[in-house]
């Protein structure tokens, strides 16, 4: 894939409100698919500092924690995400 990652967005945002990756003190939070139904647990979280790294992991099957105005953050599977490159 060519180009720098400029945005990762949720394909079908809840309530039609745009959602973006949540960036916390540890960075972007992702869920490792090897943990199955427990990937959302804090002890199984994977953190990365850049959007580029997050996009690489999403492409490898990781879920990404997304949030929007008035929306609680939630883990979104790769098929529910779109990676936008320049």
Protein backbone atom coordinates (compact mmCIF):
# COMPACT_ATOMS: atom_id res chain seq x y z
CA UNK A 1 0.00 0.00 0.00
CA UNK A 2 1.37 3.34 -1.03
CA UNK A 3 1.19 6.65 0.78
CA UNK A 4 1.27 7.81 4.34
CA UNK A 5 -1.68 6.98 6.61
CA UNK A 6 -3.60 10.19 7.22
CA UNK A 7 -6.70 8.76 8.90
CA UNK A 8 -8.41 5.60 10.05
CA UNK A 9 -12.18 5.85 10.16
CA UNK A 10 -15.08 3.65 11.13
CA UNK A 11 -16.99 2.45 8.04
CA UNK A 12 -20.40 2.68 9.75
CA UNK A 13 -20.07 5.12 12.68
CA UNK A 14 -22.59 4.76 15.49
CA UNK A 15 -25.39 7.28 15.18
CA UNK A 16 -23.81 8.70 12.03
CA UNK A 17 -21.26 10.61 14.15
CA UNK A 18 -17.69 10.40 12.83
CA UNK A 19 -15.38 8.25 14.93
CA UNK A 20 -11.61 8.31 15.10
CA UNK A 21 -8.95 6.22 16.81
CA UNK A 22 -8.69 6.96 20.52
CA UNK A 23 -5.21 8.21 21.50
CA UNK A 24 -4.49 7.87 25.22
CA UNK A 25 -1.44 8.31 27.40
CA UNK A 26 0.02 5.02 26.10
CA UNK A 27 -0.90 5.71 22.47
CA UNK A 28 -3.45 4.04 20.19
CA UNK A 29 -5.07 0.97 21.77
CA UNK A 30 -5.58 -2.21 19.75
CA UNK A 31 -6.94 -5.67 20.49
CA UNK A 32 -4.82 -8.66 19.51
CA UNK A 33 -6.92 -11.25 17.62
CA UNK A 34 -5.03 -14.13 19.28
CA UNK A 35 -7.01 -13.41 22.48
CA UNK A 36 -10.36 -13.98 20.75
CA UNK A 37 -13.32 -12.85 22.85
CA UNK A 38 -10.93 -11.54 25.54
CA UNK A 39 -9.04 -9.15 23.25
CA UNK A 40 -10.91 -6.19 24.76
CA UNK A 41 -9.49 -6.84 28.25
CA UNK A 42 -6.93 -4.26 29.41
CA UNK A 43 -4.23 -6.87 30.07
CA UNK A 44 -4.42 -7.96 26.40
CA UNK A 45 -4.20 -4.46 24.92
CA UNK A 46 -1.45 -3.54 22.48
CA UNK A 47 -0.37 0.12 22.27
CA UNK A 48 1.40 1.95 19.46
CA UNK A 49 2.44 5.59 19.18
CA UNK A 50 1.77 6.27 15.50
CA UNK A 51 -1.20 6.01 13.18
CA UNK A 52 1.07 4.22 10.69
CA UNK A 53 1.81 1.47 13.23
CA UNK A 54 -1.89 1.21 14.10
CA UNK A 55 -2.77 0.82 10.40
CA UNK A 56 -0.19 -1.97 10.01
CA UNK A 57 -1.71 -3.88 12.92
CA UNK A 58 -5.28 -3.32 11.68
CA UNK A 59 -4.16 -4.75 8.33
CA UNK A 60 -2.81 -7.76 10.25
CA UNK A 61 -6.20 -8.38 11.91
CA UNK A 62 -6.04 -6.30 15.09
CA UNK A 63 -9.09 -4.35 16.28
CA UNK A 64 -8.73 -0.63 17.02
CA UNK A 65 -10.36 1.35 19.84
CA UNK A 66 -12.46 4.11 18.25
CA UNK A 67 -14.38 7.04 19.76
CA UNK A 68 -16.48 10.00 18.68
CA UNK A 69 -18.13 13.05 20.22
CA UNK A 70 -20.53 11.81 22.88
CA UNK A 71 -19.54 8.19 22.20
CA UNK A 72 -17.85 5.77 24.58
CA UNK A 73 -14.71 4.22 23.08
CA UNK A 74 -15.21 0.75 21.61
CA UNK A 75 -13.02 -1.83 19.94
CA UNK A 76 -13.80 -2.05 16.22
CA UNK A 77 -12.80 -5.03 14.10
CA UNK A 78 -10.66 -4.52 10.97
CA UNK A 79 -13.59 -5.10 8.60
CA UNK A 80 -15.36 -2.15 10.21
CA UNK A 81 -12.44 0.22 9.53
CA UNK A 82 -11.16 2.12 6.52
CA UNK A 83 -7.51 3.22 6.27
CA UNK A 84 -7.10 6.51 4.36
CA UNK A 85 -3.72 7.23 2.75
CA UNK A 86 -2.46 10.30 0.91
